[in-house]
Amino acid sequence: MRYNEISHNSHPHHKLKFGNTQVPFKCDGCKEVGIGSNYKCTTCDYDLHTHCALPSPTLSHSFYTKCSFQFLPRPPGTVAHYCNACEKAVTGFVYHCNACGFDLHPCCAKLPMVLDDGEVKLYLYQKVSAPCLRCSRKGRSWSYRSTCKKYNLHVACVKEMLVENWHELYSNSGRSGGGGGDSSTTRRLGTRVPSLKGTLETHHHQKSSKGKVKKGCEMAGLAVQFVISAVLGDPTTLIAGVVGTLMSK
């Protein structure tokens, strides 16, 4: 269920309002990147993913059938914790299984098992034997793989692409209330979206004619857009205006 305005114990002084932004933000709950739908305090520039603002107290996951995950404001204990989905450090909100010691970022825990827009369908796997389009490695983190099995992207690699390309924008626009999504910032984002074009063209040149290379890159570009949307916490958001330049350069 979605609410237009909520109170949250992580930010008790002001209410958080629901909104949408095409400008990336850093979630003040899980400390991970976000875009699209969120809950925001405009007074303090405090942002939460929808998954972090309205978490499930407990959840189960089909990859870990013997685990029961509990939502916590921070990982327990003093040792470092890492997300079992993306292998990134857990420094804020987390789903933790006390019995197994497994951890999942809220957005990773809620990743859809299938991404489908009617043309491209991607399935989430715990491990995939095929190489990732970005890092060319196989088993690393959870991955999305296309039905045709040609396109495979690690969840970890998608996060790395976003952080590497948008780090400067976080530091420059995040402090000035970038969550509002002014047009100039959005245009700059469009030029800094991570590009896989060279990688994908090389991949397809090895097996295909020139015409098939272009089509293959277009399909892989769509796959990347879907995965980015899901990893950022909003698999249904329309971020084509930002991510649409992915394959155009």
Protein backbone atom coordinates (compact mmCIF):
# COMPACT_ATOMS: atom_id res chain seq x y z
CA MET A 1 0.00 0.00 0.00
CA ARG A 2 1.22 3.48 -0.84
CA TYR A 3 0.54 6.59 1.23
CA ASN A 4 0.93 10.20 0.06
CA GLU A 5 2.43 11.26 3.39
CA ILE A 6 3.93 9.24 6.23
CA SER A 7 5.71 9.60 9.55
CA HIS A 8 8.88 7.55 9.90
CA ASN A 9 10.82 6.78 13.06
CA SER A 10 14.14 7.33 11.28
CA HIS A 11 13.15 10.97 10.72
CA PRO A 12 10.70 11.86 13.51
CA HIS A 13 10.72 15.67 13.21
CA HIS A 14 9.02 15.99 9.81
CA LYS A 15 6.65 13.98 7.68
CA LEU A 16 7.82 12.43 4.43
CA LYS A 17 5.89 13.01 1.22
CA PHE A 18 5.60 10.56 -1.64
CA GLY A 19 6.96 11.69 -4.99
CA ASN A 20 8.86 10.72 -8.12
CA THR A 21 12.21 11.96 -9.33
CA GLN A 22 14.38 11.30 -12.37
CA VAL A 23 17.38 12.66 -10.48
CA PRO A 24 19.24 9.96 -8.53
CA PHE A 25 19.34 10.25 -4.76
CA LYS A 26 21.11 8.49 -1.95
CA CYS A 27 18.62 6.78 0.33
CA ASP A 28 19.14 7.91 3.92
CA GLY A 29 17.83 4.55 5.13
CA CYS A 30 19.85 1.88 3.36
CA LYS A 31 22.52 4.32 2.04
CA GLU A 32 22.10 2.94 -1.50
CA VAL A 33 21.33 4.73 -4.76
CA GLY A 34 17.73 5.40 -5.77
CA ILE A 35 15.62 6.96 -8.50
CA GLY A 36 11.92 7.17 -9.29
CA SER A 37 9.38 6.83 -6.47
CA ASN A 38 10.51 7.82 -2.99
CA TYR A 39 9.48 9.44 0.27
CA LYS A 40 11.16 12.77 0.90
CA CYS A 41 11.42 15.46 3.56
CA THR A 42 11.77 18.68 1.57
CA THR A 43 12.87 20.59 4.67
CA CYS A 44 15.85 18.37 5.43
CA ASP A 45 16.48 16.82 2.01
CA TYR A 46 15.94 13.40 3.57
CA ASP A 47 15.09 10.59 1.12
CA LEU A 48 13.94 7.02 1.48
CA HIS A 49 13.29 4.36 -1.11
CA THR A 50 9.66 3.27 -1.00
CA HIS A 51 10.93 -0.16 0.07
CA CYS A 52 12.79 1.47 2.98
CA ALA A 53 9.97 3.81 3.96
CA LEU A 54 7.32 1.07 4.01
CA PRO A 55 9.22 -2.15 4.75
CA SER A 56 7.79 -5.53 5.54
CA PRO A 57 8.67 -6.43 9.16
CA THR A 58 9.70 -9.89 7.97
CA LEU A 59 10.05 -11.57 4.61
CA SER A 60 11.05 -14.82 2.99
CA HIS A 61 12.90 -15.25 -0.30
CA SER A 62 12.72 -18.06 -2.82
CA PHE A 63 16.55 -18.18 -3.05
CA TYR A 64 16.82 -18.86 0.69
CA THR A 65 13.93 -21.14 1.57
CA LYS A 66 15.22 -21.88 5.08
CA CYS A 67 15.73 -18.23 6.02
CA SER A 68 13.43 -15.76 7.73
CA PHE A 69 14.59 -12.18 7.18
CA GLN A 70 13.81 -9.44 9.70
CA PHE A 71 13.91 -5.74 8.85
CA LEU A 72 16.49 -3.89 10.98
CA PRO A 73 17.57 -0.22 11.02
CA ARG A 74 21.20 -1.34 10.92
CA PRO A 75 23.11 -4.64 10.69
CA PRO A 76 23.62 -6.38 14.04
CA GLY A 77 26.97 -6.65 15.79
CA THR A 78 30.25 -4.92 15.02
CA VAL A 79 31.57 -6.99 12.11
CA ALA A 80 31.13 -5.82 8.50
CA HIS A 81 28.03 -7.09 6.70
CA TYR A 82 27.60 -7.57 2.95
CA CYS A 83 24.45 -8.01 0.90
CA ASN A 84 24.11 -11.55 -0.41
CA ALA A 85 22.43 -10.25 -3.56
CA CYS A 86 24.90 -7.59 -4.74
CA GLU A 87 27.93 -8.21 -2.49
CA LYS A 88 28.00 -4.53 -1.50
CA ALA A 89 28.50 -3.38 2.09
CA VAL A 90 25.43 -3.05 4.29
CA THR A 91 25.61 0.20 6.26
CA GLY A 92 21.97 1.05 6.92
CA PHE A 93 18.51 -0.52 6.70
CA VAL A 94 18.76 -4.24 6.08
CA TYR A 95 16.84 -7.50 6.00
CA HIS A 96 18.83 -9.90 8.20
CA CYS A 97 18.42 -13.61 8.87
CA ASN A 98 19.59 -14.27 12.40
CA ALA A 99 19.82 -18.03 11.87
CA CYS A 100 21.97 -17.94 8.73
CA GLY A 101 23.60 -14.53 9.04
CA PHE A 102 22.48 -13.57 5.53
CA ASP A 103 21.79 -9.92 4.68
CA LEU A 104 19.86 -8.20 1.90
CA HIS A 105 19.53 -4.53 1.08
CA PRO A 106 15.80 -3.66 1.08
CA CYS A 107 15.77 -2.99 -2.68
CA CYS A 108 17.74 -6.17 -3.37
CA ALA A 109 15.32 -8.16 -1.22
CA LYS A 110 12.42 -6.82 -3.27
CA LEU A 111 13.95 -7.30 -6.72
CA PRO A 112 11.29 -8.76 -9.05
CA MET A 113 11.91 -12.34 -10.11
CA VAL A 114 10.82 -11.39 -13.65
CA LEU A 115 11.12 -8.08 -15.51
CA ASP A 116 8.75 -8.03 -18.48
CA ASP A 117 7.56 -5.14 -20.66
CA GLY A 118 5.85 -7.36 -23.21
CA GLU A 119 8.88 -7.58 -25.51
CA VAL A 120 11.92 -8.19 -23.34
CA LYS A 121 11.72 -10.63 -20.44
CA LEU A 122 14.49 -10.99 -17.85
CA TYR A 123 14.68 -13.55 -15.07
CA LEU A 124 16.49 -13.15 -11.76
CA TYR A 125 18.97 -15.91 -10.91
CA GLN A 126 21.06 -16.49 -7.83
CA LYS A 127 23.92 -17.73 -9.98
CA VAL A 128 24.42 -17.77 -13.75
CA SER A 129 27.09 -19.69 -15.63
CA ALA A 130 27.13 -17.22 -18.54
CA PRO A 131 29.46 -14.17 -18.47
CA CYS A 132 28.13 -10.76 -17.51
CA LEU A 133 27.93 -8.19 -20.31
CA ARG A 134 29.88 -5.66 -18.24
CA CYS A 135 32.58 -7.57 -16.34
CA SER A 136 32.70 -10.77 -18.46
CA ARG A 137 32.78 -12.82 -15.26
CA LYS A 138 30.31 -15.57 -14.45
CA GLY A 139 29.19 -16.30 -10.89
CA ARG A 140 29.54 -13.16 -8.80
CA SER A 141 26.22 -11.86 -7.56
CA TRP A 142 22.56 -12.25 -8.40
CA SER A 143 21.99 -11.71 -12.10
CA TYR A 144 19.23 -10.88 -14.54
CA ARG A 145 19.27 -13.03 -17.66
CA SER A 146 17.18 -12.72 -20.80
CA THR A 147 14.92 -15.48 -22.06
CA CYS A 148 17.22 -15.98 -25.06
CA LYS A 149 20.16 -16.34 -22.62
CA LYS A 150 22.25 -13.80 -24.57
CA TYR A 151 22.06 -10.99 -22.05
CA ASN A 152 23.25 -11.38 -18.50
CA LEU A 153 23.91 -8.56 -16.02
CA HIS A 154 25.12 -8.86 -12.45
CA VAL A 155 23.15 -6.80 -9.96
CA ALA A 156 26.55 -5.80 -8.52
CA CYS A 157 27.76 -4.52 -11.90
CA VAL A 158 24.68 -2.37 -12.40
CA LYS A 159 25.28 -0.76 -9.01
CA GLU A 160 28.94 -0.15 -9.86
CA MET A 161 28.02 1.51 -13.16
CA LEU A 162 25.65 3.87 -11.41
CA VAL A 163 28.05 4.79 -8.60
CA GLU A 164 31.00 5.29 -10.94
CA ASN A 165 29.10 7.55 -13.32
CA TRP A 166 26.96 9.50 -10.89
CA HIS A 167 29.27 10.00 -7.90
CA GLU A 168 30.07 13.55 -8.92
CA LEU A 169 26.40 14.42 -9.38
CA TYR A 170 25.54 13.06 -5.94
CA SER A 171 28.10 15.30 -4.27
CA ASN A 172 27.19 18.37 -6.31
CA SER A 173 23.41 18.20 -6.56
CA GLY A 174 22.48 16.04 -3.57
CA ARG A 175 23.30 18.77 -1.04
CA SER A 176 21.34 21.37 -2.96
CA GLY A 177 18.07 19.44 -3.00
CA GLY A 178 18.70 17.59 -6.28
CA GLY A 179 15.76 15.31 -5.57
CA GLY A 180 13.47 17.86 -7.14
CA GLY A 181 14.77 16.98 -10.57
CA ASP A 182 15.49 20.30 -12.33
CA SER A 183 15.85 20.04 -16.09
CA SER A 184 19.51 21.04 -16.24
CA THR A 185 20.50 18.29 -13.81
CA THR A 186 18.41 15.75 -15.70
CA ARG A 187 20.11 16.73 -18.97
CA ARG A 188 23.54 16.30 -17.37
CA LEU A 189 22.47 12.91 -16.08
CA GLY A 190 21.51 11.91 -19.58
CA THR A 191 25.09 12.44 -20.71
CA ARG A 192 26.56 10.49 -17.81
CA VAL A 193 24.45 7.36 -17.82
CA PRO A 194 26.79 4.33 -17.95
CA SER A 195 27.27 3.05 -21.47
CA LEU A 196 27.78 -0.56 -22.50
CA LYS A 197 27.69 0.12 -26.22
CA GLY A 198 31.31 -0.82 -26.92
CA THR A 199 31.10 -3.96 -24.83
CA LEU A 200 27.88 -5.05 -26.48
CA GLU A 201 29.08 -4.34 -30.02
CA THR A 202 32.21 -6.40 -29.42
CA HIS A 203 30.08 -9.20 -28.02
CA HIS A 204 27.82 -9.26 -31.08
CA HIS A 205 30.54 -8.73 -33.70
CA GLN A 206 32.02 -12.04 -32.66
CA LYS A 207 28.85 -13.88 -33.72
CA SER A 208 26.72 -11.68 -35.93
CA SER A 209 26.49 -9.57 -39.03
CA LYS A 210 26.48 -5.77 -38.76
CA GLY A 211 22.68 -5.55 -38.97
CA LYS A 212 22.27 -8.03 -36.15
CA VAL A 213 24.82 -6.15 -34.05
CA LYS A 214 22.63 -3.05 -33.98
CA LYS A 215 19.50 -5.01 -33.12
CA GLY A 216 21.35 -6.95 -30.44
CA CYS A 217 22.65 -3.76 -28.85
CA GLU A 218 19.17 -2.25 -28.86
CA MET A 219 17.75 -5.29 -27.10
CA ALA A 220 20.60 -5.34 -24.58
CA GLY A 221 20.05 -1.63 -23.98
CA LEU A 222 16.44 -2.31 -23.05
CA ALA A 223 17.58 -5.08 -20.74
CA VAL A 224 19.99 -2.71 -19.00
CA GLN A 225 17.23 -0.12 -18.52
CA PHE A 226 14.94 -2.65 -16.84
CA VAL A 227 17.66 -3.90 -14.52
CA ILE A 228 18.72 -0.37 -13.57
CA SER A 229 15.12 0.50 -12.73
CA ALA A 230 14.76 -2.57 -10.54
CA VAL A 231 18.07 -2.10 -8.72
CA LEU A 232 17.23 1.53 -7.99
CA GLY A 233 14.15 0.43 -6.13
CA ASP A 234 11.42 1.22 -8.65
CA PRO A 235 11.05 -1.40 -11.39
CA THR A 236 7.93 0.28 -12.76
CA THR A 237 9.27 3.82 -13.04
CA LEU A 238 9.59 5.38 -16.48
CA ILE A 239 13.19 6.57 -16.57
CA ALA A 240 13.63 6.40 -20.33
CA GLY A 241 14.39 10.13 -20.37
CA VAL A 242 17.49 9.48 -18.29
CA VAL A 243 18.52 5.97 -19.23
CA GLY A 244 17.41 6.21 -22.84
CA THR A 245 20.78 7.57 -23.93
CA LEU A 246 22.45 4.35 -22.80
CA MET A 247 22.74 2.92 -26.31
CA SER A 248 22.64 6.13 -28.34
CA LYS A 249 26.24 7.25 -27.91
